[in-house]
N, C-alpha and C. Protein backbone atom coordinates (compact mmCIF):
# COMPACT_ATOMS: atom_id res chain seq x y z
N UNK A 1 106.52 123.13 184.34
CA UNK A 1 105.19 123.07 184.91
C UNK A 1 104.24 122.44 183.90
N UNK A 2 103.48 121.48 184.36
CA UNK A 2 102.54 120.76 183.49
C UNK A 2 101.14 121.29 183.72
N UNK A 3 100.47 121.64 182.64
CA UNK A 3 99.09 122.11 182.74
C UNK A 3 98.36 121.75 181.46
N UNK A 4 97.05 121.74 181.55
CA UNK A 4 96.22 121.42 180.40
C UNK A 4 95.77 119.98 180.42
N UNK A 5 94.68 119.72 179.70
CA UNK A 5 94.11 118.37 179.61
C UNK A 5 94.12 117.94 178.15
N UNK A 6 94.60 116.73 177.89
CA UNK A 6 94.71 116.22 176.54
C UNK A 6 94.11 114.83 176.47
N UNK A 7 93.26 114.60 175.47
CA UNK A 7 92.65 113.27 175.26
C UNK A 7 93.61 112.44 174.43
N UNK A 8 93.81 111.20 174.84
CA UNK A 8 94.67 110.26 174.13
C UNK A 8 93.99 108.91 174.07
N UNK A 9 94.57 108.06 173.26
CA UNK A 9 94.19 106.65 173.23
C UNK A 9 95.38 105.83 173.69
N UNK A 10 95.16 104.92 174.62
CA UNK A 10 96.20 103.95 174.95
C UNK A 10 96.29 102.99 173.77
N UNK A 11 97.49 102.55 173.44
CA UNK A 11 97.60 101.58 172.35
C UNK A 11 97.25 100.19 172.88
N UNK A 12 97.28 99.20 172.02
CA UNK A 12 96.89 97.85 172.38
C UNK A 12 97.73 97.22 173.48
N UNK A 13 98.94 97.75 173.69
CA UNK A 13 99.82 97.22 174.73
C UNK A 13 99.71 98.01 176.03
N UNK A 14 98.83 99.01 176.05
CA UNK A 14 98.65 99.82 177.26
C UNK A 14 99.65 100.95 177.38
N UNK A 15 100.22 101.38 176.26
CA UNK A 15 101.19 102.48 176.30
C UNK A 15 100.51 103.81 176.08
N UNK A 16 100.99 104.81 176.81
CA UNK A 16 100.52 106.19 176.71
C UNK A 16 101.60 107.00 176.02
N UNK A 17 101.21 107.78 175.03
CA UNK A 17 102.15 108.68 174.38
C UNK A 17 102.14 110.02 175.10
N UNK A 18 103.29 110.42 175.59
CA UNK A 18 103.44 111.71 176.27
C UNK A 18 103.37 112.81 175.21
N UNK A 19 102.60 113.87 175.46
CA UNK A 19 102.51 114.96 174.48
C UNK A 19 103.90 115.51 174.14
N UNK A 20 104.10 115.82 172.88
CA UNK A 20 105.41 116.30 172.43
C UNK A 20 105.85 117.56 173.18
N UNK A 21 104.91 118.40 173.58
CA UNK A 21 105.29 119.64 174.27
C UNK A 21 105.94 119.39 175.63
N UNK A 22 105.82 118.16 176.18
CA UNK A 22 106.43 117.83 177.45
C UNK A 22 107.65 116.93 177.33
N UNK A 23 107.85 116.31 176.18
CA UNK A 23 108.91 115.31 176.05
C UNK A 23 110.30 115.87 176.32
N UNK A 24 110.66 116.98 175.67
CA UNK A 24 111.99 117.54 175.87
C UNK A 24 112.22 117.94 177.32
N UNK A 25 111.19 118.52 177.94
CA UNK A 25 111.29 118.92 179.34
C UNK A 25 111.52 117.68 180.22
N UNK A 26 110.81 116.61 179.95
CA UNK A 26 110.97 115.39 180.75
C UNK A 26 112.32 114.74 180.51
N UNK A 27 112.79 114.78 179.29
CA UNK A 27 114.12 114.22 179.00
C UNK A 27 115.20 115.02 179.72
N UNK A 28 115.07 116.35 179.72
CA UNK A 28 116.07 117.19 180.37
C UNK A 28 115.99 117.09 181.89
N UNK A 29 114.79 117.00 182.42
CA UNK A 29 114.59 117.02 183.87
C UNK A 29 114.86 115.67 184.53
N UNK A 30 114.48 114.59 183.84
CA UNK A 30 114.58 113.28 184.51
C UNK A 30 115.00 112.16 183.57
N UNK A 31 115.51 112.51 182.40
CA UNK A 31 115.96 111.51 181.41
C UNK A 31 114.85 110.51 181.09
N UNK A 32 113.59 110.97 181.15
CA UNK A 32 112.46 110.11 180.83
C UNK A 32 112.12 109.11 181.92
N UNK A 33 112.73 109.25 183.10
CA UNK A 33 112.46 108.36 184.23
C UNK A 33 111.25 108.90 184.98
N UNK A 34 110.15 108.15 184.99
CA UNK A 34 108.90 108.60 185.58
C UNK A 34 108.40 107.57 186.58
N UNK A 35 107.44 107.98 187.39
CA UNK A 35 106.81 107.07 188.36
C UNK A 35 105.31 107.21 188.22
N UNK A 36 104.63 106.08 188.08
CA UNK A 36 103.17 106.01 188.06
C UNK A 36 102.70 105.43 189.38
N UNK A 37 101.65 106.02 189.95
CA UNK A 37 101.06 105.45 191.15
C UNK A 37 99.56 105.73 191.15
N UNK A 38 98.85 105.06 192.03
CA UNK A 38 97.41 105.23 192.14
C UNK A 38 97.08 106.49 192.93
N UNK A 39 95.91 107.05 192.67
CA UNK A 39 95.40 108.19 193.42
C UNK A 39 94.04 107.79 193.99
N UNK A 40 93.72 108.28 195.17
CA UNK A 40 92.47 107.92 195.84
C UNK A 40 91.23 108.32 195.05
N UNK A 41 91.34 109.28 194.14
CA UNK A 41 90.19 109.71 193.34
C UNK A 41 89.89 108.77 192.17
N UNK A 42 90.70 107.72 192.01
CA UNK A 42 90.43 106.75 190.94
C UNK A 42 91.19 107.01 189.66
N UNK A 43 92.16 107.89 189.71
CA UNK A 43 93.01 108.12 188.55
C UNK A 43 94.42 107.65 188.91
N UNK A 44 95.35 107.85 187.99
CA UNK A 44 96.76 107.57 188.26
C UNK A 44 97.52 108.89 188.31
N UNK A 45 98.60 108.90 189.05
CA UNK A 45 99.49 110.06 189.11
C UNK A 45 100.78 109.68 188.39
N UNK A 46 101.24 110.58 187.52
CA UNK A 46 102.48 110.37 186.78
C UNK A 46 103.46 111.48 187.15
N UNK A 47 104.52 111.10 187.85
CA UNK A 47 105.52 112.05 188.33
C UNK A 47 106.84 111.87 187.59
N UNK A 48 107.54 112.97 187.28
CA UNK A 48 108.96 112.82 186.96
C UNK A 48 109.64 112.24 188.22
N UNK A 49 110.56 111.33 188.05
CA UNK A 49 111.14 110.67 189.21
C UNK A 49 111.71 111.65 190.24
N UNK A 50 112.41 112.73 189.85
CA UNK A 50 112.92 113.66 190.86
C UNK A 50 111.82 114.35 191.67
N UNK A 51 110.62 114.46 191.14
CA UNK A 51 109.51 115.04 191.89
C UNK A 51 108.90 114.02 192.85
N UNK A 52 108.90 112.77 192.47
CA UNK A 52 108.30 111.70 193.27
C UNK A 52 109.17 111.32 194.47
N UNK A 53 110.47 111.22 194.28
CA UNK A 53 111.34 110.69 195.34
C UNK A 53 111.23 111.43 196.67
N UNK A 54 111.20 112.77 196.72
CA UNK A 54 111.04 113.43 198.02
C UNK A 54 109.68 113.14 198.68
N UNK A 55 108.65 112.99 197.86
CA UNK A 55 107.32 112.65 198.40
C UNK A 55 107.37 111.26 199.02
N UNK A 56 107.91 110.31 198.27
CA UNK A 56 108.02 108.94 198.78
C UNK A 56 108.85 108.90 200.05
N UNK A 57 110.01 109.58 200.03
CA UNK A 57 110.89 109.53 201.19
C UNK A 57 110.23 110.16 202.42
N UNK A 58 109.57 111.29 202.24
CA UNK A 58 108.91 111.95 203.36
C UNK A 58 107.79 111.07 203.92
N UNK A 59 107.02 110.46 203.04
CA UNK A 59 105.93 109.58 203.47
C UNK A 59 106.47 108.36 204.23
N UNK A 60 107.56 107.79 203.74
CA UNK A 60 108.10 106.58 204.37
C UNK A 60 108.82 106.88 205.68
N UNK A 61 109.16 108.15 205.93
CA UNK A 61 109.78 108.52 207.21
C UNK A 61 108.74 108.67 208.33
N UNK A 62 107.47 108.73 207.96
CA UNK A 62 106.42 108.83 208.96
C UNK A 62 106.22 107.49 209.65
N UNK A 63 105.66 107.51 210.84
CA UNK A 63 105.49 106.28 211.62
C UNK A 63 104.46 105.35 211.02
N UNK A 64 104.88 104.13 210.75
CA UNK A 64 103.98 103.11 210.24
C UNK A 64 103.09 102.54 211.35
N UNK A 65 103.30 102.99 212.59
CA UNK A 65 102.45 102.54 213.69
C UNK A 65 101.08 103.22 213.67
N UNK A 66 100.99 104.35 212.97
CA UNK A 66 99.71 105.03 212.81
C UNK A 66 98.98 104.36 211.64
N UNK A 67 97.79 103.78 211.88
CA UNK A 67 97.10 103.04 210.83
C UNK A 67 96.77 103.87 209.58
N UNK A 68 96.46 105.15 209.75
CA UNK A 68 96.15 105.99 208.60
C UNK A 68 97.39 106.23 207.76
N UNK A 69 98.51 106.52 208.43
CA UNK A 69 99.76 106.72 207.70
C UNK A 69 100.17 105.44 207.00
N UNK A 70 100.06 104.32 207.70
CA UNK A 70 100.44 103.02 207.11
C UNK A 70 99.59 102.72 205.89
N UNK A 71 98.30 103.02 205.97
CA UNK A 71 97.42 102.78 204.82
C UNK A 71 97.83 103.65 203.63
N UNK A 72 98.17 104.90 203.91
CA UNK A 72 98.60 105.80 202.84
C UNK A 72 99.93 105.34 202.24
N UNK A 73 100.87 104.92 203.07
CA UNK A 73 102.14 104.38 202.58
C UNK A 73 101.89 103.16 201.69
N UNK A 74 101.05 102.27 202.18
CA UNK A 74 100.74 101.05 201.43
C UNK A 74 100.10 101.38 200.09
N UNK A 75 99.20 102.36 200.10
CA UNK A 75 98.48 102.72 198.90
C UNK A 75 99.39 103.40 197.86
N UNK A 76 100.03 104.50 198.26
CA UNK A 76 100.82 105.28 197.31
C UNK A 76 102.12 104.60 196.90
N UNK A 77 102.89 104.16 197.88
CA UNK A 77 104.17 103.54 197.57
C UNK A 77 103.96 102.12 197.05
N UNK A 78 102.96 101.45 197.57
CA UNK A 78 102.67 100.09 197.13
C UNK A 78 102.23 100.00 195.67
N UNK A 79 101.59 101.04 195.18
CA UNK A 79 101.17 101.07 193.78
C UNK A 79 102.22 101.69 192.85
N UNK A 80 103.23 102.32 193.41
CA UNK A 80 104.20 103.06 192.59
C UNK A 80 105.00 102.12 191.69
N UNK A 81 105.13 102.52 190.44
CA UNK A 81 105.90 101.76 189.46
C UNK A 81 106.80 102.72 188.69
N UNK A 82 108.07 102.35 188.57
CA UNK A 82 108.99 103.11 187.74
C UNK A 82 108.70 102.80 186.28
N UNK A 83 108.60 103.84 185.47
CA UNK A 83 108.41 103.66 184.03
C UNK A 83 109.41 104.55 183.31
N UNK A 84 109.77 104.15 182.10
CA UNK A 84 110.73 104.90 181.32
C UNK A 84 110.09 105.27 179.99
N UNK A 85 110.21 106.53 179.64
CA UNK A 85 109.71 107.00 178.35
C UNK A 85 110.61 106.42 177.26
N UNK A 86 110.01 105.76 176.27
CA UNK A 86 110.80 105.18 175.19
C UNK A 86 111.14 106.24 174.13
N UNK A 87 111.84 105.83 173.09
CA UNK A 87 112.29 106.77 172.05
C UNK A 87 111.12 107.44 171.33
N UNK A 88 109.95 106.81 171.34
CA UNK A 88 108.76 107.38 170.70
C UNK A 88 107.95 108.23 171.68
N UNK A 89 108.45 108.41 172.91
CA UNK A 89 107.76 109.23 173.89
C UNK A 89 106.61 108.52 174.58
N UNK A 90 106.66 107.19 174.65
CA UNK A 90 105.58 106.42 175.26
C UNK A 90 106.03 105.83 176.58
N UNK A 91 105.05 105.64 177.48
CA UNK A 91 105.29 104.91 178.72
C UNK A 91 104.25 103.80 178.82
N UNK A 92 104.68 102.68 179.35
CA UNK A 92 103.79 101.54 179.53
C UNK A 92 103.07 101.66 180.85
N UNK A 93 101.74 101.60 180.79
CA UNK A 93 100.91 101.59 181.99
C UNK A 93 100.58 100.13 182.27
N UNK A 94 101.02 99.63 183.40
CA UNK A 94 100.83 98.20 183.70
C UNK A 94 99.36 97.83 183.75
N UNK A 95 99.09 96.56 183.55
CA UNK A 95 97.72 96.06 183.62
C UNK A 95 97.12 96.31 185.00
N UNK A 96 97.93 96.21 186.05
CA UNK A 96 97.44 96.44 187.42
C UNK A 96 96.95 97.87 187.59
N UNK A 97 97.75 98.83 187.15
CA UNK A 97 97.35 100.23 187.29
C UNK A 97 96.22 100.59 186.33
N UNK A 98 96.22 100.03 185.13
CA UNK A 98 95.10 100.27 184.20
C UNK A 98 93.81 99.77 184.81
N UNK A 99 93.85 98.61 185.43
CA UNK A 99 92.66 98.04 186.06
C UNK A 99 92.20 98.92 187.22
N UNK A 100 93.12 99.36 188.07
CA UNK A 100 92.75 100.20 189.20
C UNK A 100 92.02 101.46 188.74
N UNK A 101 92.55 102.14 187.72
CA UNK A 101 91.99 103.42 187.27
C UNK A 101 90.89 103.24 186.22
N UNK A 102 90.57 102.00 185.87
CA UNK A 102 89.52 101.76 184.88
C UNK A 102 89.90 102.26 183.49
N UNK A 103 91.20 102.24 183.18
CA UNK A 103 91.66 102.73 181.88
C UNK A 103 91.46 101.67 180.83
N UNK A 104 90.82 102.05 179.76
CA UNK A 104 90.62 101.14 178.64
C UNK A 104 91.38 101.69 177.45
N UNK A 105 90.72 102.45 176.63
CA UNK A 105 91.38 103.01 175.46
C UNK A 105 91.45 104.53 175.53
N UNK A 106 90.32 105.16 175.82
CA UNK A 106 90.23 106.62 175.81
C UNK A 106 90.59 107.17 177.18
N UNK A 107 91.67 107.96 177.24
CA UNK A 107 92.17 108.49 178.50
C UNK A 107 92.41 110.00 178.38
N UNK A 108 92.50 110.64 179.54
CA UNK A 108 92.83 112.06 179.63
C UNK A 108 94.11 112.20 180.44
N UNK A 109 95.06 112.94 179.91
CA UNK A 109 96.28 113.28 180.62
C UNK A 109 96.14 114.74 181.05
N UNK A 110 96.16 114.99 182.37
CA UNK A 110 95.85 116.31 182.91
C UNK A 110 97.06 116.82 183.69
N UNK A 111 97.63 117.94 183.23
CA UNK A 111 98.77 118.54 183.92
C UNK A 111 98.34 119.13 185.24
N UNK A 112 99.14 118.88 186.28
CA UNK A 112 98.86 119.37 187.63
C UNK A 112 100.12 119.95 188.26
N UNK A 113 100.78 120.83 187.53
CA UNK A 113 101.98 121.48 188.07
C UNK A 113 103.20 120.59 187.94
N UNK A 114 103.55 119.87 189.01
CA UNK A 114 104.75 119.04 189.00
C UNK A 114 104.48 117.59 188.61
N UNK A 115 103.23 117.30 188.27
CA UNK A 115 102.86 115.92 187.92
C UNK A 115 101.69 115.95 186.95
N UNK A 116 101.31 114.77 186.47
CA UNK A 116 100.11 114.60 185.64
C UNK A 116 99.14 113.68 186.36
N UNK A 117 97.87 113.85 186.06
CA UNK A 117 96.86 112.85 186.41
C UNK A 117 96.48 112.15 185.12
N UNK A 118 96.28 110.84 185.21
CA UNK A 118 95.85 110.05 184.06
C UNK A 118 94.50 109.44 184.40
N UNK A 119 93.48 109.86 183.65
CA UNK A 119 92.09 109.49 183.92
C UNK A 119 91.51 108.68 182.77
N UNK A 120 90.60 107.78 183.09
CA UNK A 120 89.69 107.24 182.10
C UNK A 120 88.84 108.42 181.63
N UNK A 121 88.61 108.53 180.33
CA UNK A 121 87.91 109.71 179.81
C UNK A 121 86.52 109.89 180.42
N UNK A 122 85.77 108.82 180.58
CA UNK A 122 84.42 108.93 181.16
C UNK A 122 84.49 109.37 182.62
N UNK A 123 85.45 108.82 183.39
CA UNK A 123 85.61 109.24 184.79
C UNK A 123 86.01 110.72 184.87
N UNK A 124 86.85 111.17 183.94
CA UNK A 124 87.27 112.57 183.90
C UNK A 124 86.05 113.47 183.68
N UNK A 125 85.20 113.10 182.75
CA UNK A 125 84.00 113.90 182.49
C UNK A 125 83.11 113.94 183.73
N UNK A 126 82.96 112.81 184.40
CA UNK A 126 82.17 112.75 185.62
C UNK A 126 82.78 113.62 186.72
N UNK A 127 84.10 113.57 186.84
CA UNK A 127 84.80 114.40 187.82
C UNK A 127 84.56 115.88 187.56
N UNK A 128 84.57 116.27 186.29
CA UNK A 128 84.36 117.67 185.94
C UNK A 128 82.93 118.12 186.24
N UNK A 129 81.98 117.23 186.16
CA UNK A 129 80.59 117.58 186.46
C UNK A 129 80.43 117.90 187.95
N UNK A 130 81.26 117.31 188.79
CA UNK A 130 81.18 117.55 190.23
C UNK A 130 81.55 118.98 190.60
N UNK A 131 82.34 119.64 189.78
CA UNK A 131 82.76 121.01 190.08
C UNK A 131 81.56 121.94 190.13
N UNK A 132 80.53 121.63 189.36
CA UNK A 132 79.32 122.46 189.36
C UNK A 132 78.58 122.38 190.69
N UNK A 133 78.83 121.32 191.45
CA UNK A 133 78.15 121.13 192.74
C UNK A 133 78.86 121.84 193.89
N UNK A 134 80.00 122.45 193.64
CA UNK A 134 80.73 123.13 194.71
C UNK A 134 80.03 124.44 195.03
N UNK A 135 79.70 124.60 196.29
CA UNK A 135 79.03 125.81 196.75
C UNK A 135 80.08 126.85 197.14
N UNK A 136 79.87 128.06 196.71
CA UNK A 136 80.77 129.14 197.09
C UNK A 136 80.70 129.42 198.59
N UNK A 137 79.64 128.96 199.24
CA UNK A 137 79.50 129.15 200.68
C UNK A 137 80.25 128.10 201.49
N UNK A 138 80.76 127.07 200.80
CA UNK A 138 81.38 125.94 201.49
C UNK A 138 82.84 125.77 201.08
N UNK A 139 83.52 126.86 200.74
CA UNK A 139 84.91 126.79 200.34
C UNK A 139 85.84 126.69 201.55
N UNK A 140 86.95 125.99 201.41
CA UNK A 140 87.89 125.94 202.54
C UNK A 140 88.50 127.32 202.80
N UNK A 141 88.96 127.57 204.02
CA UNK A 141 89.51 128.88 204.37
C UNK A 141 90.69 129.30 203.49
N UNK A 142 91.44 128.34 202.98
CA UNK A 142 92.59 128.66 202.13
C UNK A 142 92.19 129.39 200.85
N UNK A 143 90.92 129.25 200.45
CA UNK A 143 90.45 129.90 199.22
C UNK A 143 89.74 131.22 199.48
N UNK A 144 89.68 131.62 200.74
CA UNK A 144 89.05 132.90 201.06
C UNK A 144 89.81 134.04 200.38
N UNK A 145 89.11 134.84 199.63
CA UNK A 145 89.73 135.95 198.92
C UNK A 145 90.40 135.57 197.62
N UNK A 146 90.39 134.29 197.27
CA UNK A 146 91.01 133.84 196.02
C UNK A 146 90.16 134.29 194.83
N UNK A 147 90.79 134.87 193.84
CA UNK A 147 90.08 135.27 192.64
C UNK A 147 90.83 134.78 191.42
N UNK A 148 90.09 134.65 190.35
CA UNK A 148 90.69 134.26 189.07
C UNK A 148 90.83 135.46 188.18
């Protein structure tokens, strides 16, 4: 399970260093085989390949005749790129995906259970400011009775 937020710098070639606390787990779980794709919130999603494949397969089994489903297939699967963690624990983030997510040098890697989100640091800070605007009166029903 991936959790926590870590600030990193992309190197000059656009490579992200995976935190050491996750490297052994990723090597054991997926031999360093990962998938990067775009997220509608403006970040990237980084999945271990075994976590991504069922999502991709389920999405692609849906009818492409529905314009909303087709758009989602085009967006998520169309942006998906296989990446491999190198011996130094780095993955290359393509120029296309860096451009989409506005990634320059300073980035945040945020654990989200079975995947990571990769954010531009400034966008991450802006995203976190939005949490203060959430009204307790406007929570979805799934959070009714939820406590920390």
